[in-house]
Amino acid sequence: MNTLTFLLIIHIIAGSFCLLTGAINFSVKKEKGYHTRIGELYHIGYFVVFITSVWMAIINWSESAYLFYIAVFSYGLALFGYLARKRRWRGWLSMHIGGMAGSYIGIITAVLVVNGADIPLINQIPFLLLWFIPTIIGTPIIFMVSKRYRTYTK
């Protein structure tokens, strides 16, 4: 097995793990304990996705350079959300929600852009829209959730 194939397998496993743990964390009660533990696992998985994305993009730059930029931006959001919670910055909860949900939008965008042509029904959507649909849907949700939890940061 070559390096690129190995990295791709690890990347797919970690990405699937992030999609699962992210969905779980969006659906559970937001409190210390279960939500926090799942969030830690999400962050670890996302770090693996980031490292494998960057590595694969470098190995196959001419065809995959765009993955490098998605990875850096998306993991930047995940790290921002993670650190906002860990360090309890002023207004940390809104930053945490925005960063973590933004990173989830990033991973969904990457899945759609890379695999959309192979997914029935999704393959009927114009390719350029696949870059924007997760953000168009996810951004209002981030604002609603942030507004809902805003009272907890005061």
C-alpha atoms as a PDB file:
ATOM      1  CA  MET A   1       0.000   0.000   0.000  1.00  0.00           C
ATOM      2  CA  ASN A   2       1.425   3.368  -0.950  1.00  0.00           C
ATOM      3  CA  THR A   3       1.531   6.429   1.321  1.00  0.00           C
ATOM      4  CA  LEU A   4      -1.310   8.230  -0.426  1.00  0.00           C
ATOM      5  CA  THR A   5      -3.656   5.248  -0.110  1.00  0.00           C
ATOM      6  CA  PHE A   6      -2.775   4.816   3.562  1.00  0.00           C
ATOM      7  CA  LEU A   7      -3.377   8.519   4.258  1.00  0.00           C
ATOM      8  CA  LEU A   8      -6.679   8.413   2.376  1.00  0.00           C
ATOM      9  CA  ILE A   9      -7.922   5.469   4.456  1.00  0.00           C
ATOM     10  CA  ILE A  10      -6.984   7.225   7.721  1.00  0.00           C
ATOM     11  CA  HIS A  11      -8.530  10.454   6.400  1.00  0.00           C
ATOM     12  CA  ILE A  12     -11.837   8.778   5.516  1.00  0.00           C
ATOM     13  CA  ILE A  13     -12.046   7.049   8.906  1.00  0.00           C
ATOM     14  CA  ALA A  14     -11.246  10.270  10.799  1.00  0.00           C
ATOM     15  CA  GLY A  15     -13.611  12.324   8.631  1.00  0.00           C
ATOM     16  CA  SER A  16     -16.447   9.851   9.156  1.00  0.00           C
ATOM     17  CA  PHE A  17     -15.707   9.920  12.884  1.00  0.00           C
ATOM     18  CA  CYS A  18     -15.947  13.742  12.853  1.00  0.00           C
ATOM     19  CA  LEU A  19     -19.232  13.682  10.968  1.00  0.00           C
ATOM     20  CA  LEU A  20     -20.629  11.255  13.548  1.00  0.00           C
ATOM     21  CA  THR A  21     -19.281  12.930  16.701  1.00  0.00           C
ATOM     22  CA  GLY A  22     -20.218  16.382  15.398  1.00  0.00           C
ATOM     23  CA  ALA A  23     -23.796  15.270  14.735  1.00  0.00           C
ATOM     24  CA  ILE A  24     -23.993  13.654  18.173  1.00  0.00           C
ATOM     25  CA  ASN A  25     -22.710  16.792  19.877  1.00  0.00           C
ATOM     26  CA  PHE A  26     -25.193  19.010  18.054  1.00  0.00           C
ATOM     27  CA  SER A  27     -28.004  16.823  19.371  1.00  0.00           C
ATOM     28  CA  VAL A  28     -27.016  16.376  23.034  1.00  0.00           C
ATOM     29  CA  LYS A  29     -27.458  18.729  25.970  1.00  0.00           C
ATOM     30  CA  LYS A  30     -24.728  21.355  26.073  1.00  0.00           C
ATOM     31  CA  GLU A  31     -23.146  20.811  29.461  1.00  0.00           C
ATOM     32  CA  LYS A  32     -19.914  19.586  30.953  1.00  0.00           C
ATOM     33  CA  GLY A  33     -19.637  15.823  30.761  1.00  0.00           C
ATOM     34  CA  TYR A  34     -20.874  13.913  27.727  1.00  0.00           C
ATOM     35  CA  HIS A  35     -20.898  16.944  25.398  1.00  0.00           C
ATOM     36  CA  THR A  36     -17.368  17.883  26.491  1.00  0.00           C
ATOM     37  CA  ARG A  37     -15.982  14.354  26.042  1.00  0.00           C
ATOM     38  CA  ILE A  38     -17.530  13.976  22.600  1.00  0.00           C
ATOM     39  CA  GLY A  39     -16.156  17.424  21.719  1.00  0.00           C
ATOM     40  CA  GLU A  40     -12.645  16.337  22.715  1.00  0.00           C
ATOM     41  CA  LEU A  41     -12.969  13.293  20.462  1.00  0.00           C
ATOM     42  CA  TYR A  42     -14.297  15.487  17.634  1.00  0.00           C
ATOM     43  CA  HIS A  43     -11.291  17.775  17.967  1.00  0.00           C
ATOM     44  CA  ILE A  44      -8.824  14.867  17.925  1.00  0.00           C
ATOM     45  CA  GLY A  45     -10.546  13.421  14.851  1.00  0.00           C
ATOM     46  CA  TYR A  46     -10.506  16.798  13.148  1.00  0.00           C
ATOM     47  CA  PHE A  47      -6.791  17.161  13.847  1.00  0.00           C
ATOM     48  CA  VAL A  48      -6.226  13.826  12.084  1.00  0.00           C
ATOM     49  CA  VAL A  49      -8.373  15.006   9.160  1.00  0.00           C
ATOM     50  CA  PHE A  50      -6.318  18.212   9.019  1.00  0.00           C
ATOM     51  CA  ILE A  51      -2.931  16.442   9.063  1.00  0.00           C
ATOM     52  CA  THR A  52      -3.947  13.862   6.463  1.00  0.00           C
ATOM     53  CA  SER A  53      -5.518  16.549   4.230  1.00  0.00           C
ATOM     54  CA  VAL A  54      -2.413  18.693   4.284  1.00  0.00           C
ATOM     55  CA  TRP A  55      -0.135  15.718   3.704  1.00  0.00           C
ATOM     56  CA  MET A  56      -2.224  14.398   0.787  1.00  0.00           C
ATOM     57  CA  ALA A  57      -2.500  17.870  -0.745  1.00  0.00           C
ATOM     58  CA  ILE A  58       1.278  18.296  -0.630  1.00  0.00           C
ATOM     59  CA  ILE A  59       1.886  14.854  -2.149  1.00  0.00           C
ATOM     60  CA  ASN A  60      -0.622  15.484  -4.941  1.00  0.00           C
ATOM     61  CA  TRP A  61      -0.481  19.303  -5.117  1.00  0.00           C
ATOM     62  CA  SER A  62      -1.390  19.751  -8.785  1.00  0.00           C
ATOM     63  CA  GLU A  63      -4.749  18.010  -8.295  1.00  0.00           C
ATOM     64  CA  SER A  64      -5.442  18.605  -4.597  1.00  0.00           C
ATOM     65  CA  ALA A  65      -4.097  22.019  -3.639  1.00  0.00           C
ATOM     66  CA  TYR A  66      -7.632  23.231  -2.873  1.00  0.00           C
ATOM     67  CA  LEU A  67      -7.883  20.574  -0.140  1.00  0.00           C
ATOM     68  CA  PHE A  68      -4.961  22.212   1.623  1.00  0.00           C
ATOM     69  CA  TYR A  69      -6.897  25.471   1.885  1.00  0.00           C
ATOM     70  CA  ILE A  70     -10.126  23.791   2.999  1.00  0.00           C
ATOM     71  CA  ALA A  71      -8.146  21.881   5.644  1.00  0.00           C
ATOM     72  CA  VAL A  72      -6.340  24.931   7.009  1.00  0.00           C
ATOM     73  CA  PHE A  73      -9.485  27.064   7.136  1.00  0.00           C
ATOM     74  CA  SER A  74     -11.732  24.340   8.573  1.00  0.00           C
ATOM     75  CA  TYR A  75      -9.275  23.162  11.185  1.00  0.00           C
ATOM     76  CA  GLY A  76      -8.594  26.803  12.059  1.00  0.00           C
ATOM     77  CA  LEU A  77     -12.283  27.116  12.923  1.00  0.00           C
ATOM     78  CA  ALA A  78     -12.218  23.889  14.957  1.00  0.00           C
ATOM     79  CA  LEU A  79      -9.127  25.001  16.857  1.00  0.00           C
ATOM     80  CA  PHE A  80     -10.605  28.458  17.467  1.00  0.00           C
ATOM     81  CA  GLY A  81     -13.823  26.943  18.864  1.00  0.00           C
ATOM     82  CA  TYR A  82     -11.894  24.440  20.939  1.00  0.00           C
ATOM     83  CA  LEU A  83      -9.516  27.028  22.416  1.00  0.00           C
ATOM     84  CA  ALA A  84     -12.321  29.517  23.108  1.00  0.00           C
ATOM     85  CA  ARG A  85     -13.906  26.894  25.362  1.00  0.00           C
ATOM     86  CA  LYS A  86     -10.651  25.689  26.932  1.00  0.00           C
ATOM     87  CA  ARG A  87      -9.304  29.157  27.678  1.00  0.00           C
ATOM     88  CA  ARG A  88     -12.687  30.704  28.525  1.00  0.00           C
ATOM     89  CA  TRP A  89     -12.058  33.844  26.493  1.00  0.00           C
ATOM     90  CA  ARG A  90     -14.518  36.693  26.983  1.00  0.00           C
ATOM     91  CA  GLY A  91     -17.588  35.731  24.984  1.00  0.00           C
ATOM     92  CA  TRP A  92     -16.164  32.222  24.667  1.00  0.00           C
ATOM     93  CA  LEU A  93     -19.478  30.459  24.168  1.00  0.00           C
ATOM     94  CA  SER A  94     -20.379  32.287  20.953  1.00  0.00           C
ATOM     95  CA  MET A  95     -16.831  31.769  19.680  1.00  0.00           C
ATOM     96  CA  HIS A  96     -17.002  28.093  20.614  1.00  0.00           C
ATOM     97  CA  ILE A  97     -20.327  27.597  18.857  1.00  0.00           C
ATOM     98  CA  GLY A  98     -19.209  29.515  15.762  1.00  0.00           C
ATOM     99  CA  GLY A  99     -15.849  27.769  15.545  1.00  0.00           C
ATOM    100  CA  MET A 100     -17.091  24.247  16.086  1.00  0.00           C
ATOM    101  CA  ALA A 101     -20.185  24.595  13.904  1.00  0.00           C
ATOM    102  CA  GLY A 102     -18.104  26.393  11.262  1.00  0.00           C
ATOM    103  CA  SER A 103     -15.645  23.511  11.232  1.00  0.00           C
ATOM    104  CA  TYR A 104     -18.546  21.094  10.793  1.00  0.00           C
ATOM    105  CA  ILE A 105     -19.748  23.150   7.815  1.00  0.00           C
ATOM    106  CA  GLY A 106     -16.187  22.891   6.483  1.00  0.00           C
ATOM    107  CA  ILE A 107     -16.074  19.124   6.698  1.00  0.00           C
ATOM    108  CA  ILE A 108     -19.499  18.779   5.078  1.00  0.00           C
ATOM    109  CA  THR A 109     -18.373  21.132   2.306  1.00  0.00           C
ATOM    110  CA  ALA A 110     -15.235  19.050   1.739  1.00  0.00           C
ATOM    111  CA  VAL A 111     -17.267  15.829   1.558  1.00  0.00           C
ATOM    112  CA  LEU A 112     -19.680  17.355  -0.957  1.00  0.00           C
ATOM    113  CA  VAL A 113     -16.985  18.942  -3.120  1.00  0.00           C
ATOM    114  CA  VAL A 114     -14.806  15.821  -3.224  1.00  0.00           C
ATOM    115  CA  ASN A 115     -17.576  13.201  -3.445  1.00  0.00           C
ATOM    116  CA  GLY A 116     -20.632  15.052  -4.751  1.00  0.00           C
ATOM    117  CA  ALA A 117     -20.336  13.653  -8.266  1.00  0.00           C
ATOM    118  CA  ASP A 118     -20.668  10.119  -6.836  1.00  0.00           C
ATOM    119  CA  ILE A 119     -23.642  10.780  -4.519  1.00  0.00           C
ATOM    120  CA  PRO A 120     -27.089  10.244  -6.100  1.00  0.00           C
ATOM    121  CA  LEU A 121     -29.257  13.397  -6.086  1.00  0.00           C
ATOM    122  CA  ILE A 122     -26.303  15.483  -4.892  1.00  0.00           C
ATOM    123  CA  ASN A 123     -24.712  14.879  -8.306  1.00  0.00           C
ATOM    124  CA  GLN A 124     -27.644  16.770  -9.856  1.00  0.00           C
ATOM    125  CA  ILE A 125     -26.670  19.992  -8.038  1.00  0.00           C
ATOM    126  CA  PRO A 126     -24.320  22.311  -9.944  1.00  0.00           C
ATOM    127  CA  PHE A 127     -20.775  21.763  -8.665  1.00  0.00           C
ATOM    128  CA  LEU A 128     -20.205  25.387  -7.669  1.00  0.00           C
ATOM    129  CA  LEU A 129     -23.266  25.306  -5.406  1.00  0.00           C
ATOM    130  CA  LEU A 130     -21.760  22.403  -3.444  1.00  0.00           C
ATOM    131  CA  TRP A 131     -19.158  24.877  -2.187  1.00  0.00           C
ATOM    132  CA  PHE A 132     -21.843  27.198  -0.808  1.00  0.00           C
ATOM    133  CA  ILE A 133     -24.888  25.150   0.236  1.00  0.00           C
ATOM    134  CA  PRO A 134     -23.455  24.011   3.620  1.00  0.00           C
ATOM    135  CA  THR A 135     -22.568  27.607   4.522  1.00  0.00           C
ATOM    136  CA  ILE A 136     -25.924  28.948   3.313  1.00  0.00           C
ATOM    137  CA  ILE A 137     -27.755  26.393   5.466  1.00  0.00           C
ATOM    138  CA  GLY A 138     -25.341  26.324   8.409  1.00  0.00           C
ATOM    139  CA  THR A 139     -24.710  30.021   9.019  1.00  0.00           C
ATOM    140  CA  PRO A 140     -28.276  30.901  10.068  1.00  0.00           C
ATOM    141  CA  ILE A 141     -28.247  27.859  12.356  1.00  0.00           C
ATOM    142  CA  ILE A 142     -25.043  29.102  14.007  1.00  0.00           C
ATOM    143  CA  PHE A 143     -26.658  32.506  14.588  1.00  0.00           C
ATOM    144  CA  MET A 144     -29.813  30.954  16.062  1.00  0.00           C
ATOM    145  CA  VAL A 145     -27.871  28.651  18.373  1.00  0.00           C
ATOM    146  CA  SER A 146     -25.519  31.454  19.439  1.00  0.00           C
ATOM    147  CA  LYS A 147     -28.497  33.688  20.209  1.00  0.00           C
ATOM    148  CA  ARG A 148     -30.108  30.910  22.230  1.00  0.00           C
ATOM    149  CA  TYR A 149     -26.998  30.430  24.386  1.00  0.00           C
ATOM    150  CA  ARG A 150     -25.962  34.099  24.559  1.00  0.00           C
ATOM    151  CA  THR A 151     -27.521  34.474  28.018  1.00  0.00           C
ATOM    152  CA  TYR A 152     -25.091  31.893  29.423  1.00  0.00           C
ATOM    153  CA  THR A 153     -22.019  34.021  28.659  1.00  0.00           C
ATOM    154  CA  LYS A 154     -23.128  37.040  30.695  1.00  0.00           C
END
